[in-house]
Amino acid sequence: MNNGEIFEHVPLSNCVASIRTGQTFKTSLQHNANGDLNVLQPKDISNGRIESNPVCINKSEVSALENHILKIGDVLMVNKGTKLGSFLYEGEPAQTVATSSFFVITPNPDVLLSRYLFWYLNQPPAKEYFSKSSFGSTIPSITKVVLSKLPIPVIPINEQKYIIEFIKESEQELQLLKELIEKKQLFSTSYVWEQIIKK
């Protein structure tokens, strides 16, 4: 622990098994309706979720496929653009690779849980770090070295699990509240129209 802190900030490179760049494609991607490999691009992701269907190609178009295919628990980090979004791969869609516009992070589960890392990448300290460390005036970018030096507040695995569960429960509660508000709005609108019709 440092300076009385309850946790220690550790560079990301000390917490992971690997940080690699996604697959490079020398030509533009062409969708193949009969393809058997999904290719994830930054435009497919919004707010940590896949919002559009990835392009499909044939596996034969990617050499050394086993080195590039995503594994459950891989965390993707967009490496250029105004919004350096991230995505936690949990197995869907199956048979997927990421383009070179992503860094693919494979955490060491004994030190850093994937979901905890995914959560932290979207927190203000991480965003501020990337904002200060990016380069390029037109299209901001970050390098693999910059990502590897990202300070991570490392806490015991059981505490990471607790935080993950707490966040999950909070998100579920917020979703329920959102649904209740929408139902209340519908009820209120319906009631107002009933009063108008009665007149």
Protein backbone atom coordinates (compact mmCIF):
# COMPACT_ATOMS: atom_id res chain seq x y z
CA MET A 1 0.00 0.00 0.00
CA ASN A 2 1.16 3.51 -0.77
CA ASN A 3 0.81 6.66 1.31
CA GLY A 4 -1.84 5.18 3.54
CA GLU A 5 -4.14 4.21 0.63
CA ILE A 6 -6.35 1.18 1.13
CA PHE A 7 -5.34 -0.18 -2.28
CA GLU A 8 -2.34 -0.08 -4.56
CA HIS A 9 -2.28 1.35 -8.06
CA VAL A 10 -0.58 -1.15 -10.36
CA PRO A 11 0.20 -0.67 -14.07
CA LEU A 12 -2.18 -2.69 -16.23
CA SER A 13 0.73 -4.60 -17.77
CA ASN A 14 1.46 -6.07 -14.31
CA CYS A 15 -2.09 -7.43 -14.04
CA VAL A 16 -2.65 -9.13 -17.38
CA ALA A 17 -1.57 -12.14 -19.35
CA SER A 18 -1.46 -10.15 -22.59
CA ILE A 19 -2.28 -6.93 -24.37
CA ARG A 20 -2.39 -7.27 -28.14
CA THR A 21 -3.69 -5.38 -31.15
CA GLY A 22 -6.67 -6.81 -33.03
CA GLN A 23 -6.48 -8.32 -36.48
CA THR A 24 -5.23 -6.12 -39.32
CA PHE A 25 -7.19 -6.23 -42.57
CA LYS A 26 -5.40 -4.81 -45.61
CA THR A 27 -8.60 -4.31 -47.59
CA SER A 28 -12.07 -3.08 -46.67
CA LEU A 29 -14.31 -5.68 -45.10
CA GLN A 30 -17.03 -7.14 -47.31
CA HIS A 31 -19.97 -8.85 -45.63
CA ASN A 32 -20.50 -12.47 -46.58
CA ALA A 33 -23.95 -13.78 -45.69
CA ASN A 34 -22.49 -17.30 -45.60
CA GLY A 35 -19.42 -16.32 -43.59
CA ASP A 36 -18.43 -18.19 -40.45
CA LEU A 37 -16.40 -15.50 -38.68
CA ASN A 38 -17.65 -12.24 -37.14
CA VAL A 39 -15.44 -9.14 -37.27
CA LEU A 40 -16.04 -6.57 -34.54
CA GLN A 41 -15.38 -2.90 -35.36
CA PRO A 42 -15.67 0.20 -33.11
CA LYS A 43 -18.82 1.32 -34.96
CA ASP A 44 -20.56 -1.86 -33.78
CA ILE A 45 -20.16 -0.90 -30.11
CA SER A 46 -21.97 1.72 -28.04
CA ASN A 47 -22.04 2.06 -24.25
CA GLY A 48 -20.25 -1.23 -23.80
CA ARG A 49 -22.76 -3.18 -25.91
CA ILE A 50 -22.92 -4.48 -29.46
CA GLU A 51 -25.50 -2.28 -31.17
CA SER A 52 -25.15 -3.51 -34.76
CA ASN A 53 -24.45 -6.84 -36.39
CA PRO A 54 -20.72 -7.31 -37.09
CA VAL A 55 -19.49 -7.97 -40.59
CA CYS A 56 -19.23 -11.68 -41.42
CA ILE A 57 -16.34 -13.15 -43.42
CA ASN A 58 -14.80 -16.58 -44.01
CA LYS A 59 -12.32 -17.94 -41.48
CA SER A 60 -9.94 -18.66 -44.34
CA GLU A 61 -9.43 -14.89 -44.73
CA VAL A 62 -7.60 -14.69 -41.37
CA SER A 63 -4.20 -16.31 -41.02
CA ALA A 64 -3.24 -17.76 -37.63
CA LEU A 65 -6.88 -17.46 -36.58
CA GLU A 66 -6.34 -19.06 -33.16
CA ASN A 67 -4.08 -16.14 -32.23
CA HIS A 68 -6.82 -13.61 -32.96
CA ILE A 69 -10.17 -15.20 -32.12
CA LEU A 70 -11.70 -13.66 -28.99
CA LYS A 71 -11.94 -15.66 -25.79
CA ILE A 72 -14.54 -15.23 -23.05
CA GLY A 73 -13.24 -12.59 -20.64
CA ASP A 74 -11.24 -10.62 -23.20
CA VAL A 75 -11.67 -6.87 -22.73
CA LEU A 76 -11.57 -4.72 -25.88
CA MET A 77 -10.40 -1.12 -25.81
CA VAL A 78 -10.83 1.19 -28.81
CA ASN A 79 -7.44 2.75 -29.53
CA LYS A 80 -8.40 5.76 -31.65
CA GLY A 81 -11.22 8.27 -31.93
CA THR A 82 -12.93 10.80 -29.70
CA LYS A 83 -14.65 8.07 -27.71
CA LEU A 84 -12.25 5.38 -26.53
CA GLY A 85 -14.98 2.87 -25.74
CA SER A 86 -14.53 -0.59 -24.29
CA PHE A 87 -16.33 -3.93 -24.51
CA LEU A 88 -16.30 -7.12 -22.44
CA TYR A 89 -16.50 -10.21 -24.62
CA GLU A 90 -18.64 -12.88 -22.96
CA GLY A 91 -18.92 -15.34 -25.82
CA GLU A 92 -21.46 -13.62 -28.07
CA PRO A 93 -21.36 -13.52 -30.98
CA ALA A 94 -19.42 -16.77 -31.21
CA GLN A 95 -16.39 -17.03 -33.48
CA THR A 96 -15.38 -13.37 -33.41
CA VAL A 97 -12.22 -11.38 -34.03
CA ALA A 98 -11.61 -7.68 -33.40
CA THR A 99 -10.01 -5.32 -35.89
CA SER A 100 -6.76 -3.48 -35.25
CA SER A 101 -8.78 -0.48 -34.05
CA PHE A 102 -8.98 -2.36 -30.73
CA PHE A 103 -6.49 -3.47 -28.14
CA VAL A 104 -7.46 -6.88 -26.79
CA ILE A 105 -6.69 -7.30 -23.08
CA THR A 106 -6.62 -10.72 -21.45
CA PRO A 107 -6.43 -10.23 -17.67
CA ASN A 108 -4.79 -12.67 -15.30
CA PRO A 109 -7.85 -13.89 -13.31
CA ASP A 110 -5.70 -14.39 -10.21
CA VAL A 111 -5.00 -10.66 -10.09
CA LEU A 112 -7.66 -8.81 -12.09
CA LEU A 113 -11.19 -9.86 -13.02
CA SER A 114 -12.35 -9.00 -16.53
CA ARG A 115 -15.61 -7.39 -15.42
CA TYR A 116 -13.79 -5.28 -12.81
CA LEU A 117 -11.35 -4.06 -15.47
CA PHE A 118 -14.21 -3.34 -17.88
CA TRP A 119 -15.93 -1.30 -15.17
CA TYR A 120 -12.76 0.64 -14.34
CA LEU A 121 -12.02 1.52 -17.98
CA ASN A 122 -15.26 3.50 -17.96
CA GLN A 123 -14.53 5.40 -14.73
CA PRO A 124 -13.39 9.08 -14.61
CA PRO A 125 -9.77 8.33 -13.48
CA ALA A 126 -9.19 6.03 -16.47
CA LYS A 127 -10.87 8.41 -18.91
CA GLU A 128 -8.79 11.32 -17.61
CA TYR A 129 -5.61 9.25 -17.96
CA PHE A 130 -6.40 8.40 -21.60
CA SER A 131 -7.39 12.00 -22.34
CA LYS A 132 -4.03 13.27 -21.08
CA SER A 133 -2.03 10.49 -22.74
CA SER A 134 -3.63 10.44 -26.20
CA PHE A 135 -1.96 12.03 -29.22
CA GLY A 136 -3.18 13.39 -32.55
CA SER A 137 -5.22 16.57 -32.98
CA THR A 138 -7.67 15.25 -35.59
CA ILE A 139 -8.16 11.66 -34.41
CA PRO A 140 -6.89 11.13 -30.85
CA SER A 141 -5.12 7.80 -30.39
CA ILE A 142 -3.50 5.83 -27.61
CA THR A 143 -0.61 3.41 -27.90
CA LYS A 144 -0.16 -0.04 -26.43
CA VAL A 145 2.51 1.41 -24.13
CA VAL A 146 0.08 4.04 -22.82
CA LEU A 147 -2.56 1.37 -22.17
CA SER A 148 -0.04 -0.91 -20.46
CA LYS A 149 0.87 1.89 -18.03
CA LEU A 150 -2.74 2.64 -17.02
CA PRO A 151 -2.76 2.64 -13.18
CA ILE A 152 -5.29 0.11 -11.91
CA PRO A 153 -6.54 0.19 -8.28
CA VAL A 154 -5.88 -3.46 -7.49
CA ILE A 155 -7.86 -4.89 -4.59
CA PRO A 156 -8.27 -8.51 -3.46
CA ILE A 157 -10.22 -10.78 -5.83
CA ASN A 158 -13.04 -11.32 -3.32
CA GLU A 159 -13.51 -7.55 -3.09
CA GLN A 160 -13.50 -7.25 -6.88
CA LYS A 161 -16.25 -9.90 -6.96
CA TYR A 162 -18.23 -7.92 -4.36
CA ILE A 163 -17.97 -4.73 -6.42
CA ILE A 164 -19.04 -6.57 -9.59
CA GLU A 165 -22.09 -8.02 -7.83
CA PHE A 166 -22.96 -4.64 -6.30
CA ILE A 167 -22.79 -2.95 -9.72
CA LYS A 168 -24.93 -5.71 -11.25
CA GLU A 169 -27.61 -5.32 -8.58
CA SER A 170 -27.52 -1.52 -8.91
CA GLU A 171 -27.99 -1.74 -12.68
CA GLN A 172 -30.93 -4.12 -12.23
CA GLU A 173 -32.49 -1.73 -9.71
CA LEU A 174 -32.04 1.22 -12.05
CA GLN A 175 -33.64 -0.76 -14.88
CA LEU A 176 -36.65 -1.57 -12.70
CA LEU A 177 -36.97 2.09 -11.71
CA LYS A 178 -36.80 3.09 -15.36
CA GLU A 179 -39.58 0.64 -16.21
CA LEU A 180 -41.71 1.92 -13.31
CA ILE A 181 -41.24 5.53 -14.44
CA GLU A 182 -42.26 4.62 -18.00
CA LYS A 183 -45.37 2.82 -16.70
CA LYS A 184 -46.20 5.81 -14.50
CA GLN A 185 -45.87 8.16 -17.48
CA LEU A 186 -48.15 5.95 -19.57
CA PHE A 187 -50.69 5.80 -16.75
CA SER A 188 -50.60 9.57 -16.29
CA THR A 189 -51.03 10.23 -20.01
CA SER A 190 -53.88 7.74 -20.21
CA TYR A 191 -55.61 9.31 -17.22
CA VAL A 192 -55.31 12.84 -18.66
CA TRP A 193 -56.84 11.72 -21.97
CA GLU A 194 -59.68 10.05 -20.11
CA GLN A 195 -60.45 13.36 -18.42
CA ILE A 196 -60.41 15.17 -21.76
CA ILE A 197 -62.72 12.63 -23.38
CA LYS A 198 -65.18 12.88 -20.48
CA LYS A 199 -65.54 16.61 -21.17
